[in-house]
Protein backbone atom coordinates (compact mmCIF):
# COMPACT_ATOMS: atom_id res chain seq x y z
CA MET A 1 -10.67 -27.62 -11.67
CA ARG A 2 -11.14 -25.65 -8.44
CA SER A 3 -10.50 -26.91 -4.97
CA ILE A 4 -12.52 -25.84 -1.84
CA SER A 5 -9.42 -24.79 -0.19
CA ALA A 6 -8.60 -22.43 -3.01
CA LEU A 7 -11.92 -20.79 -3.10
CA ALA A 8 -11.73 -20.38 0.73
CA LEU A 9 -8.44 -18.54 0.40
CA LEU A 10 -9.82 -16.38 -2.29
CA ALA A 11 -12.79 -15.46 -0.07
CA LEU A 12 -10.38 -14.62 2.71
CA ALA A 13 -8.27 -12.40 0.38
CA LEU A 14 -11.24 -10.41 -0.94
CA THR A 15 -13.14 -9.95 2.33
CA ALA A 16 -13.50 -6.35 3.50
CA SER A 17 -12.10 -5.41 6.99
CA PRO A 18 -14.27 -6.32 9.95
CA ALA A 19 -15.59 -2.86 10.54
CA SER A 20 -16.61 -2.41 6.84
CA ALA A 21 -18.22 -5.83 6.71
CA GLN A 22 -20.39 -4.96 9.66
CA GLU A 23 -21.44 -1.74 8.20
CA GLY A 24 -22.39 -3.18 4.83
CA THR A 25 -21.32 -3.15 1.29
CA ASP A 26 -22.82 0.34 0.64
CA VAL A 27 -20.14 1.96 2.88
CA PRO A 28 -17.99 4.17 0.61
CA LEU A 29 -14.22 3.14 0.14
CA GLY A 30 -11.48 5.54 -0.36
CA ILE A 31 -9.81 5.44 -3.74
CA ALA A 32 -6.82 3.83 -2.27
CA LEU A 33 -9.18 1.14 -0.83
CA GLU A 34 -9.02 2.43 2.71
CA GLY A 35 -11.34 0.11 4.66
CA PHE A 36 -10.65 -2.92 2.40
CA ALA A 37 -8.38 -5.52 3.98
CA TYR A 38 -5.60 -7.33 2.07
CA PRO A 39 -4.44 -10.85 3.12
CA HIS A 40 -0.94 -9.63 4.09
CA PRO A 41 0.53 -6.37 5.53
CA VAL A 42 0.74 -3.59 3.02
CA LYS A 43 3.79 -1.41 2.72
CA TYR A 44 4.30 1.68 0.66
CA LEU A 45 7.12 2.97 -1.58
CA PRO A 46 7.24 6.84 -2.04
CA LEU A 47 7.60 7.73 -5.71
CA SER A 48 7.09 10.77 -7.93
CA ARG A 49 5.26 10.70 -11.30
CA ASP A 50 4.41 13.79 -13.30
CA HIS A 51 5.78 15.98 -10.56
CA GLU A 52 3.14 14.54 -8.03
CA ALA A 53 4.15 12.61 -4.96
CA GLN A 54 2.74 9.03 -5.15
CA ARG A 55 2.73 5.91 -3.08
CA LEU A 56 3.18 2.35 -4.56
CA ALA A 57 1.45 -0.11 -2.26
CA TYR A 58 2.85 -3.66 -2.04
CA MET A 59 2.79 -6.87 -0.08
CA ASP A 60 6.13 -8.59 0.72
CA VAL A 61 5.52 -12.16 1.85
CA ALA A 62 8.46 -14.31 3.11
CA PRO A 63 8.75 -17.91 2.21
CA THR A 64 6.88 -20.46 4.49
CA GLY A 65 8.58 -23.62 3.01
CA ASN A 66 12.31 -24.12 2.69
CA ALA A 67 13.62 -20.77 1.34
CA ASN A 68 15.31 -21.10 -2.05
CA GLY A 69 16.71 -17.44 -2.24
CA ARG A 70 14.36 -16.48 -5.14
CA THR A 71 11.83 -13.85 -5.39
CA VAL A 72 8.57 -13.65 -7.45
CA PHE A 73 6.79 -10.41 -8.46
CA LEU A 74 3.15 -10.90 -9.08
CA LEU A 75 1.60 -8.26 -11.48
CA HIS A 76 -2.22 -7.82 -11.40
CA GLY A 77 -4.69 -7.12 -14.14
CA ARG A 78 -6.60 -3.97 -14.82
CA ASN A 79 -9.85 -4.82 -13.05
CA PHE A 80 -8.44 -6.34 -9.88
CA PRO A 81 -6.60 -5.54 -6.71
CA SER A 82 -3.49 -7.38 -5.93
CA SER A 83 -5.24 -9.22 -3.08
CA TYR A 84 -6.71 -11.58 -5.65
CA TRP A 85 -3.28 -13.25 -5.87
CA GLU A 86 -3.56 -14.79 -2.45
CA PRO A 87 -3.98 -18.57 -3.67
CA VAL A 88 -0.85 -18.03 -5.67
CA ILE A 89 1.05 -16.13 -2.94
CA ARG A 90 0.37 -19.07 -0.60
CA ALA A 91 1.56 -21.77 -3.08
CA LEU A 92 4.75 -19.78 -3.99
CA ALA A 93 5.56 -19.09 -0.38
CA GLU A 94 5.18 -22.71 0.55
CA GLY A 95 7.46 -23.53 -2.48
CA GLY A 96 10.20 -21.45 -0.90
CA TYR A 97 9.81 -18.30 -2.68
CA ARG A 98 9.62 -14.70 -1.42
CA VAL A 99 6.59 -13.08 -3.09
CA VAL A 100 6.33 -9.35 -3.78
CA VAL A 101 2.90 -8.23 -4.81
CA PRO A 102 2.48 -4.56 -5.84
CA ASP A 103 -0.46 -2.53 -6.82
CA GLN A 104 0.67 -0.55 -9.89
CA LEU A 105 0.16 3.32 -9.50
CA GLY A 106 -3.56 3.85 -10.55
CA PHE A 107 -4.80 0.58 -8.86
CA GLY A 108 -5.66 -0.97 -5.54
CA LYS A 109 -4.14 0.76 -2.53
CA SER A 110 -1.61 2.80 -4.52
CA SER A 111 -1.95 6.44 -5.50
CA LYS A 112 -4.11 7.47 -8.63
CA PRO A 113 -2.18 9.45 -11.09
CA VAL A 114 -4.40 10.97 -13.80
CA LYS A 115 -1.91 11.85 -16.57
CA PRO A 116 -1.13 9.49 -19.40
CA PHE A 117 0.28 6.11 -18.26
CA THR A 118 3.12 4.26 -20.02
CA PHE A 119 4.18 0.74 -19.52
CA ASP A 120 7.81 1.94 -19.68
CA ARG A 121 7.10 4.11 -16.58
CA MET A 122 5.32 1.31 -14.81
CA ALA A 123 8.14 -0.98 -15.45
CA ALA A 124 10.68 1.40 -14.06
CA GLU A 125 8.52 1.94 -11.00
CA THR A 126 8.31 -1.83 -10.34
CA VAL A 127 12.10 -2.00 -10.79
CA ALA A 128 12.47 0.88 -8.40
CA LEU A 129 10.52 -1.25 -5.81
CA ALA A 130 12.93 -4.10 -6.43
CA ASP A 131 15.87 -1.77 -5.90
CA SER A 132 14.36 -0.57 -2.59
CA LEU A 133 14.17 -4.18 -1.46
CA GLY A 134 17.64 -5.04 -2.59
CA LEU A 135 16.45 -7.43 -5.28
CA GLN A 136 18.78 -7.67 -8.20
CA ARG A 137 17.16 -10.50 -10.12
CA PHE A 138 13.66 -11.90 -9.77
CA ASP A 139 10.91 -13.88 -11.57
CA VAL A 140 7.73 -12.38 -12.81
CA VAL A 141 4.23 -13.85 -12.88
CA ALA A 142 1.76 -11.50 -14.52
CA HIS A 143 -1.92 -11.49 -15.43
CA SER A 144 -3.93 -9.74 -18.10
CA MET A 145 -2.81 -6.22 -18.32
CA GLY A 146 0.08 -7.21 -16.08
CA GLY A 147 1.22 -9.33 -18.85
CA MET A 148 1.95 -6.27 -21.03
CA LEU A 149 3.89 -4.73 -18.25
CA GLY A 150 5.71 -7.98 -17.64
CA VAL A 151 6.72 -8.13 -21.35
CA ARG A 152 8.08 -4.53 -21.11
CA MET A 153 9.97 -5.30 -17.88
CA ALA A 154 11.61 -8.30 -19.60
CA ARG A 155 12.42 -6.10 -22.62
CA ASN A 156 13.60 -3.08 -20.73
CA TYR A 157 15.49 -4.80 -17.87
CA PRO A 158 16.62 -8.18 -19.25
CA GLN A 159 19.32 -8.52 -16.68
CA ARG A 160 16.80 -8.29 -13.94
CA VAL A 161 14.08 -10.65 -15.08
CA ASN A 162 15.06 -14.36 -14.53
CA ALA A 163 11.79 -16.08 -15.89
CA LEU A 164 8.35 -14.76 -17.00
CA VAL A 165 4.92 -16.39 -16.63
CA LEU A 166 2.12 -14.67 -18.53
CA GLU A 167 -1.33 -15.74 -17.29
CA ALA A 168 -4.10 -14.95 -19.89
CA PRO A 169 -2.12 -11.87 -21.04
CA ILE A 170 -3.76 -9.20 -23.11
CA GLY A 171 -1.73 -7.43 -25.80
CA LEU A 172 -1.25 -10.57 -27.91
CA GLU A 173 -2.57 -8.54 -30.83
CA ASP A 174 -2.20 -4.94 -31.76
CA TYR A 175 -5.55 -3.47 -30.85
CA ARG A 176 -4.90 -0.35 -32.95
CA PHE A 177 -5.46 -2.49 -36.18
CA THR A 178 -9.08 -3.21 -35.14
CA VAL A 179 -10.21 -0.59 -32.68
CA PRO A 180 -10.46 3.08 -33.59
CA PRO A 181 -9.14 5.67 -31.11
CA VAL A 182 -11.58 6.46 -28.37
CA SER A 183 -11.59 9.72 -26.48
CA ASP A 184 -11.04 10.17 -22.80
CA ASP A 185 -14.41 11.93 -22.58
CA LEU A 186 -16.27 9.00 -24.08
CA LEU A 187 -14.43 6.47 -21.79
CA LEU A 188 -15.20 8.67 -18.84
CA THR A 189 -18.96 8.76 -19.60
CA ARG A 190 -19.09 4.96 -20.31
CA GLU A 191 -17.07 3.91 -17.26
CA GLY A 192 -19.00 6.47 -15.14
CA GLU A 193 -22.43 5.07 -16.25
CA LEU A 194 -21.54 1.46 -15.66
CA THR A 195 -23.89 -0.06 -13.13
CA ALA A 196 -23.03 -2.82 -10.71
CA ASP A 197 -25.23 -5.18 -12.76
CA ALA A 198 -23.56 -4.25 -16.04
CA TYR A 199 -20.11 -4.51 -14.54
CA ARG A 200 -20.90 -7.96 -13.09
CA LYS A 201 -22.17 -9.13 -16.52
CA GLN A 202 -19.08 -7.64 -18.21
CA LEU A 203 -16.72 -9.60 -16.03
CA MET A 204 -18.49 -12.85 -16.35
CA THR A 205 -19.06 -12.70 -20.17
CA SER A 206 -16.14 -10.79 -21.36
CA TYR A 207 -13.81 -13.08 -19.43
CA SER A 208 -15.77 -16.21 -20.20
CA LEU A 209 -15.56 -17.21 -16.59
CA SER A 210 -16.30 -20.73 -15.25
CA LEU A 211 -16.62 -19.30 -11.66
CA PRO A 212 -20.01 -18.60 -10.04
CA ALA A 213 -20.86 -14.94 -10.08
CA SER A 214 -20.36 -14.92 -6.16
CA ALA A 215 -16.68 -15.37 -6.72
CA ILE A 216 -16.32 -12.00 -8.44
CA GLU A 217 -18.77 -10.12 -6.36
CA PRO A 218 -16.09 -8.61 -4.17
CA PHE A 219 -14.63 -6.86 -7.37
CA VAL A 220 -17.99 -5.53 -8.17
CA GLN A 221 -18.59 -4.21 -4.69
CA ILE A 222 -15.06 -2.52 -4.47
CA ARG A 223 -15.97 -0.69 -7.60
CA GLU A 224 -19.48 0.33 -6.36
CA ARG A 225 -18.12 1.48 -2.97
CA VAL A 226 -15.37 3.56 -4.52
CA LYS A 227 -18.13 5.55 -6.26
CA GLY A 228 -19.01 6.96 -2.69
CA SER A 229 -15.53 8.55 -2.37
CA GLY A 230 -15.18 12.27 -2.79
CA GLU A 231 -12.12 11.50 -4.95
CA TYR A 232 -14.14 9.16 -7.29
CA PRO A 233 -13.63 11.51 -10.28
CA ARG A 234 -9.85 11.18 -9.78
CA TRP A 235 -10.23 7.28 -9.63
CA LEU A 236 -12.12 7.46 -12.94
CA ARG A 237 -9.76 9.57 -14.78
CA SER A 238 -6.91 7.29 -13.68
CA PHE A 239 -8.74 4.16 -14.75
CA VAL A 240 -9.37 5.67 -18.18
CA GLN A 241 -5.67 6.31 -18.70
CA SER A 242 -4.91 2.63 -18.36
CA TYR A 243 -7.20 1.77 -21.19
CA GLN A 244 -5.33 4.41 -23.38
CA ALA A 245 -2.03 2.67 -22.47
CA ILE A 246 -3.29 -0.78 -23.41
CA TRP A 247 -4.63 0.52 -26.77
CA GLY A 248 -1.79 2.78 -27.67
CA GLN A 249 1.27 0.96 -26.48
CA PRO A 250 1.30 -2.60 -27.95
CA VAL A 251 3.78 -5.12 -26.79
CA VAL A 252 3.01 -7.98 -29.21
CA HIS A 253 5.82 -6.93 -31.64
CA GLU A 254 8.37 -7.24 -28.74
CA ILE A 255 7.15 -10.65 -27.40
CA PRO A 256 9.28 -12.71 -29.81
CA LEU A 257 12.29 -10.72 -28.60
CA VAL A 258 11.99 -11.71 -24.98
CA LYS A 259 14.93 -13.62 -24.03
CA ALA A 260 13.88 -14.87 -20.63
CA PRO A 261 12.31 -18.29 -20.43
CA THR A 262 8.52 -17.63 -20.79
CA LEU A 263 5.40 -19.63 -19.99
CA PHE A 264 2.07 -18.68 -21.33
CA VAL A 265 -0.85 -20.15 -19.19
CA MET A 266 -4.12 -19.62 -21.08
CA GLY A 267 -7.74 -20.43 -20.38
CA ALA A 268 -9.10 -22.15 -23.48
CA ASN A 269 -12.41 -20.18 -23.33
CA ASP A 270 -10.67 -16.79 -23.01
CA ARG A 271 -11.49 -14.47 -25.91
CA ASN A 272 -11.04 -11.13 -24.01
CA ALA A 273 -9.81 -8.17 -26.22
CA PRO A 274 -9.85 -4.74 -24.83
CA GLY A 275 -11.74 -2.26 -26.93
CA LYS A 276 -13.73 -5.05 -28.70
CA PRO A 277 -17.01 -3.10 -28.30
CA PHE A 278 -15.60 -0.24 -30.22
CA ALA A 279 -14.48 -2.20 -33.15
CA PRO A 280 -16.31 -2.42 -36.40
CA PRO A 281 -18.53 -5.69 -36.43
CA GLU A 282 -16.62 -7.07 -39.25
CA LEU A 283 -13.39 -6.96 -37.32
CA ARG A 284 -14.73 -7.61 -33.84
CA ALA A 285 -15.38 -11.38 -34.55
CA GLY A 286 -11.71 -11.95 -35.20
CA MET A 287 -10.38 -10.45 -31.99
CA GLY A 288 -9.27 -12.27 -28.92
CA ASP A 289 -8.14 -15.50 -30.43
CA ASN A 290 -5.66 -15.56 -27.45
CA THR A 291 -4.94 -19.18 -27.26
CA ALA A 292 -3.85 -19.27 -30.98
CA HIS A 293 -1.86 -16.07 -30.39
CA ALA A 294 -0.03 -17.29 -27.39
CA ARG A 295 0.91 -20.55 -29.15
CA ALA A 296 2.18 -18.70 -32.27
CA LEU A 297 4.06 -16.20 -30.21
CA ALA A 298 5.72 -18.85 -27.90
CA ALA A 299 6.96 -20.69 -31.02
CA ARG A 300 8.73 -17.59 -32.22
CA MET A 301 10.51 -16.82 -28.85
CA PRO A 302 14.01 -18.12 -28.05
CA ASN A 303 12.53 -19.96 -25.01
CA GLY A 304 8.72 -19.96 -24.99
CA ARG A 305 6.05 -22.38 -24.10
CA ALA A 306 2.29 -22.19 -23.99
CA GLU A 307 0.05 -24.24 -21.87
CA VAL A 308 -3.80 -24.18 -22.31
CA ILE A 309 -6.19 -25.23 -19.57
CA ALA A 310 -9.62 -26.49 -20.92
CA ASN A 311 -12.98 -25.10 -19.66
CA VAL A 312 -11.68 -21.95 -18.01
CA GLY A 313 -11.59 -18.35 -19.02
CA HIS A 314 -9.51 -15.17 -18.26
CA LEU A 315 -9.02 -15.70 -14.51
CA VAL A 316 -6.97 -18.95 -14.73
CA HIS A 317 -5.38 -18.72 -11.25
CA MET A 318 -9.01 -18.45 -9.67
CA GLU A 319 -10.74 -20.91 -12.04
CA ALA A 320 -8.14 -23.72 -12.13
CA THR A 321 -6.03 -22.75 -8.96
CA ASP A 322 -4.28 -26.03 -8.36
CA MET A 323 -3.35 -26.74 -12.05
CA PHE A 324 -2.15 -23.09 -12.46
CA ASN A 325 0.03 -23.21 -9.25
CA GLY A 326 1.43 -26.59 -10.35
CA LEU A 327 2.40 -25.22 -13.85
CA VAL A 328 3.92 -22.15 -12.34
CA LEU A 329 6.07 -23.94 -9.66
CA ASP A 330 7.25 -26.54 -12.09
CA PHE A 331 8.33 -23.78 -14.58
CA LEU A 332 10.04 -21.63 -11.99
CA ASP A 333 11.73 -24.54 -10.31
CA ARG A 334 13.21 -25.54 -13.61
CA ASN A 335 14.40 -22.13 -14.56
């Protein structure tokens, strides 16, 4: 499923800056990933949230193939910086698309707000970025938690979203039906105690990845190095708020109402479901039937379709890069 060239691109995208690489992986990172290089220049949009000044980081990549006049927004998942999109950025740019790749507030190189997150607010901030770039209409490709955001954007701003690709999205079920509320304090304790080994195992097993562990090591190292920042407690509080948004703000009930053409691209092995460890054992086993959920939801949409890729898990664009890119380009070109 994977090509050597795709893995090489991924390694490039996730490599720390030369200075940091020379000093070693134990060198602390700032909570805005200062010292960690992205594959394209990073710009910043000034914003305000909860009466605090914020900066939304983003990459804006021009087409390298024959420009078709269209722009794609790539929306990342909860555990990943937007740099992991590099193999997709390259394919879309070669296909003639302009590619805008934000780090949502709370993630990557963006500021870290600590008050409750809402997908409505995140959608408004992403549209504010589009406004600042003079983009009235655009396509959206969204992974994992980004899929929940992509759905909310398509619902709140239907006149702006031309087509929607949901890569292994979470939120295909209402987690409130199976997972009890969890306090911020408990989440802060659990996340704060998570070791590198435990986080590595969590990514590999929860996401049912077909990748070697070395492919996700940069994500593990980012998290470990951020622990050395004096602002790490703020990073942790911000990260916890994103879980509460995922649990408390379901989008599954809205998905059938999305009017934009929508493509689900699912990994057949992916049974990821946020909050599963907190669910009662008798309910836990039934969580995360994501392929079945995607097919059922697509059938209820005005213009939905689900594609399932065998033998891969939650990181489809890394595990089956060429197949993923081919499906996305074909879908976008047709819509």
